[in-house]
C-alpha cells in the first residue's frame, strides 16, 4: 500500500489561538519566576552559586530569539525576549559584581 501523499490537517484557528494564549501566559509566568533571582542578587547582594556561564547562555539565547522574532516580525517571539534580555542581563551583571 502506497503512503498517503496528503499532508496532515493543520491545527484550526481555535487551537492556534489557545496555544498562543498559553505561550503568552507561560512567558509572563517564567519571567515572574526569574524576578526573585534578580532581587536576591541586587537587593541582597548575594550571587553565591549563580553560574555566569549558564545565565550568559540564557542571555545569548534571548538575544538570538529576539533577532529571529524581529526578522519574522512576530511579536509573540520578540516582545518576551525584551524581558528575558533585561532579566538575564541583570543576573549576569549581578553575578559578576557580587559573585
N, C-alpha and C. Protein backbone atom coordinates (compact mmCIF):
# COMPACT_ATOMS: atom_id res chain seq x y z
N UNK A 1 0.84 -1.17 0.00
CA UNK A 1 0.00 0.00 0.00
C UNK A 1 0.89 1.24 0.00
N UNK A 2 0.60 2.16 -0.89
CA UNK A 2 1.39 3.39 -1.02
C UNK A 2 1.04 4.36 0.11
N UNK A 3 2.04 5.15 0.55
CA UNK A 3 1.74 6.13 1.61
C UNK A 3 0.79 7.21 1.10
N UNK A 4 0.02 7.76 2.00
CA UNK A 4 -0.93 8.82 1.66
C UNK A 4 -0.17 10.13 1.45
N UNK A 5 -0.23 10.73 0.25
CA UNK A 5 0.54 11.95 -0.04
C UNK A 5 -0.07 13.23 0.54
N UNK A 6 -1.27 13.16 1.08
CA UNK A 6 -1.88 14.37 1.61
C UNK A 6 -1.25 14.75 2.93
N UNK A 7 -0.98 16.05 3.12
CA UNK A 7 -0.36 16.48 4.39
C UNK A 7 -1.36 16.36 5.53
N UNK A 8 -0.85 16.21 6.75
CA UNK A 8 -1.76 16.12 7.89
C UNK A 8 -2.53 17.44 8.05
N UNK A 9 -3.71 17.33 8.59
CA UNK A 9 -4.55 18.52 8.77
C UNK A 9 -3.86 19.49 9.72
N UNK A 10 -3.88 20.75 9.34
CA UNK A 10 -3.29 21.79 10.18
C UNK A 10 -4.20 22.07 11.36
N UNK A 11 -3.62 22.56 12.43
CA UNK A 11 -4.42 22.91 13.59
C UNK A 11 -5.35 24.05 13.22
N UNK A 12 -6.54 23.99 13.75
CA UNK A 12 -7.53 25.02 13.46
C UNK A 12 -7.21 26.33 14.15
N UNK A 13 -7.90 27.38 13.74
CA UNK A 13 -7.66 28.71 14.33
C UNK A 13 -7.90 28.73 15.84
N UNK A 14 -8.87 27.96 16.31
CA UNK A 14 -9.16 27.96 17.75
C UNK A 14 -8.01 27.35 18.54
N UNK A 15 -7.44 26.25 18.05
CA UNK A 15 -6.34 25.62 18.78
C UNK A 15 -5.06 26.47 18.70
N UNK A 16 -4.88 27.17 17.58
CA UNK A 16 -3.72 28.07 17.46
C UNK A 16 -3.87 29.25 18.41
N UNK A 17 -5.06 29.79 18.52
CA UNK A 17 -5.30 30.90 19.44
C UNK A 17 -5.08 30.46 20.88
N UNK A 18 -5.52 29.26 21.21
CA UNK A 18 -5.31 28.72 22.57
C UNK A 18 -3.83 28.55 22.85
N UNK A 19 -3.11 28.01 21.88
CA UNK A 19 -1.67 27.82 22.06
C UNK A 19 -0.95 29.16 22.24
N UNK A 20 -1.32 30.16 21.46
CA UNK A 20 -0.71 31.49 21.60
C UNK A 20 -1.00 32.08 22.98
N UNK A 21 -2.21 31.89 23.49
CA UNK A 21 -2.54 32.39 24.83
C UNK A 21 -1.74 31.65 25.90
N UNK A 22 -1.62 30.33 25.75
CA UNK A 22 -0.83 29.55 26.71
C UNK A 22 0.64 29.97 26.67
N UNK A 23 1.19 30.16 25.48
CA UNK A 23 2.58 30.58 25.36
C UNK A 23 2.79 31.97 25.96
N UNK A 24 1.85 32.87 25.72
CA UNK A 24 1.94 34.20 26.30
C UNK A 24 1.88 34.15 27.82
N UNK A 25 0.98 33.33 28.34
CA UNK A 25 0.88 33.17 29.79
C UNK A 25 2.13 32.57 30.40
N UNK A 26 2.70 31.58 29.72
CA UNK A 26 3.93 30.97 30.23
C UNK A 26 5.10 31.94 30.15
N UNK A 27 5.12 32.79 29.15
CA UNK A 27 6.18 33.80 29.06
C UNK A 27 6.14 34.71 30.27
N UNK A 28 4.96 35.19 30.59
CA UNK A 28 4.82 36.07 31.76
C UNK A 28 5.17 35.32 33.03
N UNK A 29 4.67 34.09 33.17
CA UNK A 29 4.92 33.29 34.37
C UNK A 29 6.41 33.04 34.57
N UNK A 30 7.11 32.63 33.52
CA UNK A 30 8.53 32.32 33.67
C UNK A 30 9.36 33.58 33.92
N UNK A 31 8.94 34.70 33.33
CA UNK A 31 9.63 35.96 33.62
C UNK A 31 9.46 36.31 35.10
N UNK A 32 8.23 36.18 35.61
CA UNK A 32 7.98 36.48 37.02
C UNK A 32 8.76 35.54 37.95
N UNK A 33 8.97 34.31 37.52
CA UNK A 33 9.72 33.34 38.34
C UNK A 33 11.21 33.68 38.39
N UNK A 34 11.68 34.51 37.47
CA UNK A 34 13.08 34.91 37.44
C UNK A 34 13.33 36.15 38.30
N UNK A 35 12.30 36.93 38.55
CA UNK A 35 12.45 38.16 39.33
C UNK A 35 13.06 37.90 40.71
N UNK A 36 12.65 36.85 41.47
CA UNK A 36 13.29 36.61 42.77
C UNK A 36 14.81 36.42 42.69
N UNK A 37 15.28 35.78 41.62
CA UNK A 37 16.73 35.61 41.45
C UNK A 37 17.41 36.96 41.30
N UNK A 38 16.82 37.83 40.50
CA UNK A 38 17.38 39.17 40.29
C UNK A 38 17.37 39.94 41.61
N UNK A 39 16.27 39.86 42.36
CA UNK A 39 16.18 40.58 43.63
C UNK A 39 17.18 40.04 44.65
N UNK A 40 17.36 38.73 44.70
CA UNK A 40 18.33 38.14 45.61
C UNK A 40 19.72 38.69 45.34
N UNK A 41 20.05 38.80 44.07
CA UNK A 41 21.38 39.29 43.70
C UNK A 41 21.53 40.78 43.98
N UNK A 42 20.60 41.59 43.50
CA UNK A 42 20.77 43.03 43.56
C UNK A 42 20.34 43.66 44.88
N UNK A 43 19.29 43.15 45.51
CA UNK A 43 18.86 43.70 46.79
C UNK A 43 19.65 43.06 47.93
N UNK A 44 19.76 41.74 47.88
CA UNK A 44 20.50 41.03 48.92
C UNK A 44 22.00 41.00 48.70
N UNK A 45 22.44 41.43 47.54
CA UNK A 45 23.85 41.43 47.16
C UNK A 45 24.49 40.07 47.38
N UNK A 46 23.76 39.04 46.97
CA UNK A 46 24.24 37.67 47.10
C UNK A 46 24.14 36.97 45.75
N UNK A 47 25.26 36.56 45.23
CA UNK A 47 25.28 35.85 43.96
C UNK A 47 25.99 34.50 44.08
N UNK A 48 26.13 34.03 45.31
CA UNK A 48 26.80 32.73 45.52
C UNK A 48 26.02 31.63 44.81
N UNK A 49 26.71 30.82 44.06
CA UNK A 49 26.10 29.70 43.37
C UNK A 49 25.47 30.05 42.04
N UNK A 50 25.51 31.30 41.65
CA UNK A 50 24.94 31.71 40.36
C UNK A 50 26.00 31.50 39.28
N UNK A 51 25.65 30.75 38.27
CA UNK A 51 26.58 30.45 37.20
C UNK A 51 26.51 31.51 36.11
N UNK A 52 27.59 32.28 35.97
CA UNK A 52 27.65 33.28 34.90
C UNK A 52 27.60 32.59 33.55
N UNK A 53 28.20 31.42 33.44
CA UNK A 53 28.19 30.68 32.18
C UNK A 53 26.76 30.30 31.79
N UNK A 54 25.99 29.76 32.72
CA UNK A 54 24.61 29.36 32.42
C UNK A 54 23.74 30.57 32.08
N UNK A 55 23.78 31.57 32.93
CA UNK A 55 22.95 32.75 32.70
C UNK A 55 23.40 33.52 31.47
N UNK A 56 24.70 33.48 31.17
CA UNK A 56 25.20 34.09 29.94
C UNK A 56 24.66 33.36 28.71
N UNK A 57 24.55 32.05 28.80
CA UNK A 57 23.97 31.26 27.71
C UNK A 57 22.50 31.61 27.53
N UNK A 58 21.77 31.79 28.64
CA UNK A 58 20.36 32.20 28.56
C UNK A 58 20.24 33.57 27.91
N UNK A 59 21.15 34.47 28.25
CA UNK A 59 21.15 35.81 27.67
C UNK A 59 21.42 35.75 26.17
N UNK A 60 22.41 34.97 25.78
CA UNK A 60 22.72 34.80 24.36
C UNK A 60 21.51 34.22 23.62
N UNK A 61 20.87 33.22 24.20
CA UNK A 61 19.69 32.62 23.60
C UNK A 61 18.58 33.65 23.42
N UNK A 62 18.34 34.48 24.45
CA UNK A 62 17.31 35.51 24.36
C UNK A 62 17.63 36.52 23.26
N UNK A 63 18.90 36.88 23.13
CA UNK A 63 19.30 37.79 22.07
C UNK A 63 19.06 37.19 20.69
N UNK A 64 19.38 35.92 20.52
CA UNK A 64 19.17 35.25 19.24
C UNK A 64 17.68 35.12 18.91
N UNK A 65 16.87 34.75 19.91
CA UNK A 65 15.43 34.66 19.71
C UNK A 65 14.83 36.02 19.39
N UNK A 66 15.34 37.07 20.05
CA UNK A 66 14.88 38.43 19.77
C UNK A 66 15.15 38.79 18.31
N UNK A 67 16.35 38.53 17.86
CA UNK A 67 16.73 38.80 16.47
C UNK A 67 15.84 38.01 15.50
N UNK A 68 15.64 36.73 15.80
CA UNK A 68 14.80 35.87 14.96
C UNK A 68 13.36 36.40 14.92
N UNK A 69 12.83 36.79 16.09
CA UNK A 69 11.48 37.33 16.15
C UNK A 69 11.32 38.61 15.35
N UNK A 70 12.33 39.46 15.41
CA UNK A 70 12.30 40.68 14.60
C UNK A 70 12.30 40.36 13.11
N UNK A 71 13.13 39.40 12.72
CA UNK A 71 13.19 39.02 11.31
C UNK A 71 11.85 38.47 10.83
N UNK A 72 11.18 37.71 11.69
CA UNK A 72 9.88 37.11 11.34
C UNK A 72 8.73 38.08 11.57
N UNK A 73 9.04 39.23 12.19
CA UNK A 73 8.02 40.22 12.56
C UNK A 73 6.93 39.59 13.43
N UNK A 74 7.37 38.76 14.38
CA UNK A 74 6.44 38.04 15.26
C UNK A 74 6.57 38.59 16.67
N UNK A 75 5.58 39.37 17.08
CA UNK A 75 5.60 39.98 18.42
C UNK A 75 5.58 38.94 19.52
N UNK A 76 5.00 37.77 19.24
CA UNK A 76 4.96 36.71 20.25
C UNK A 76 6.35 36.15 20.54
N UNK A 77 7.28 36.38 19.65
CA UNK A 77 8.65 35.94 19.88
C UNK A 77 9.49 37.08 20.46
N UNK A 78 9.50 38.23 19.80
CA UNK A 78 10.46 39.26 20.20
C UNK A 78 10.07 40.06 21.43
N UNK A 79 8.79 40.25 21.70
CA UNK A 79 8.43 41.04 22.88
C UNK A 79 8.83 40.37 24.20
N UNK A 80 8.55 39.07 24.39
CA UNK A 80 9.02 38.43 25.63
C UNK A 80 10.54 38.44 25.75
N UNK A 81 11.22 38.41 24.61
CA UNK A 81 12.69 38.40 24.64
C UNK A 81 13.25 39.67 25.24
N UNK A 82 12.54 40.77 25.12
CA UNK A 82 13.00 42.01 25.74
C UNK A 82 13.08 41.82 27.25
N UNK A 83 12.05 41.23 27.83
CA UNK A 83 12.07 40.93 29.26
C UNK A 83 13.18 39.97 29.64
N UNK A 84 13.37 38.94 28.81
CA UNK A 84 14.44 37.97 29.09
C UNK A 84 15.81 38.61 28.99
N UNK A 85 16.01 39.48 28.03
CA UNK A 85 17.31 40.16 27.89
C UNK A 85 17.58 41.01 29.13
N UNK A 86 16.57 41.73 29.58
CA UNK A 86 16.74 42.57 30.78
C UNK A 86 17.03 41.71 32.01
N UNK A 87 16.21 40.69 32.25
CA UNK A 87 16.39 39.87 33.46
C UNK A 87 17.68 39.06 33.41
N UNK A 88 17.95 38.41 32.29
CA UNK A 88 19.18 37.62 32.19
C UNK A 88 20.41 38.52 32.29
N UNK A 89 20.34 39.69 31.66
CA UNK A 89 21.44 40.64 31.77
C UNK A 89 21.65 41.10 33.21
N UNK A 90 20.55 41.30 33.94
CA UNK A 90 20.66 41.69 35.35
C UNK A 90 21.30 40.59 36.19
N UNK A 91 20.97 39.36 35.91
CA UNK A 91 21.58 38.24 36.67
C UNK A 91 23.06 38.14 36.35
N UNK A 92 23.41 38.20 35.06
CA UNK A 92 24.83 38.11 34.68
C UNK A 92 25.62 39.26 35.29
N UNK A 93 25.11 40.47 35.15
CA UNK A 93 25.82 41.63 35.70
C UNK A 93 25.95 41.52 37.22
N UNK A 94 24.88 41.13 37.89
CA UNK A 94 24.92 40.97 39.34
C UNK A 94 25.87 39.87 39.78
N UNK A 95 25.90 38.78 39.04
CA UNK A 95 26.83 37.69 39.37
C UNK A 95 28.27 38.15 39.21
N UNK A 96 28.53 38.99 38.22
CA UNK A 96 29.88 39.50 38.04
C UNK A 96 30.26 40.50 39.13
N UNK A 97 29.29 41.31 39.57
CA UNK A 97 29.55 42.31 40.58
C UNK A 97 29.66 41.69 41.98
N UNK A 98 28.73 40.81 42.31
CA UNK A 98 28.66 40.28 43.68
C UNK A 98 29.15 38.83 43.82
N UNK A 99 29.54 38.21 42.70
CA UNK A 99 29.94 36.80 42.75
C UNK A 99 31.35 36.55 43.18
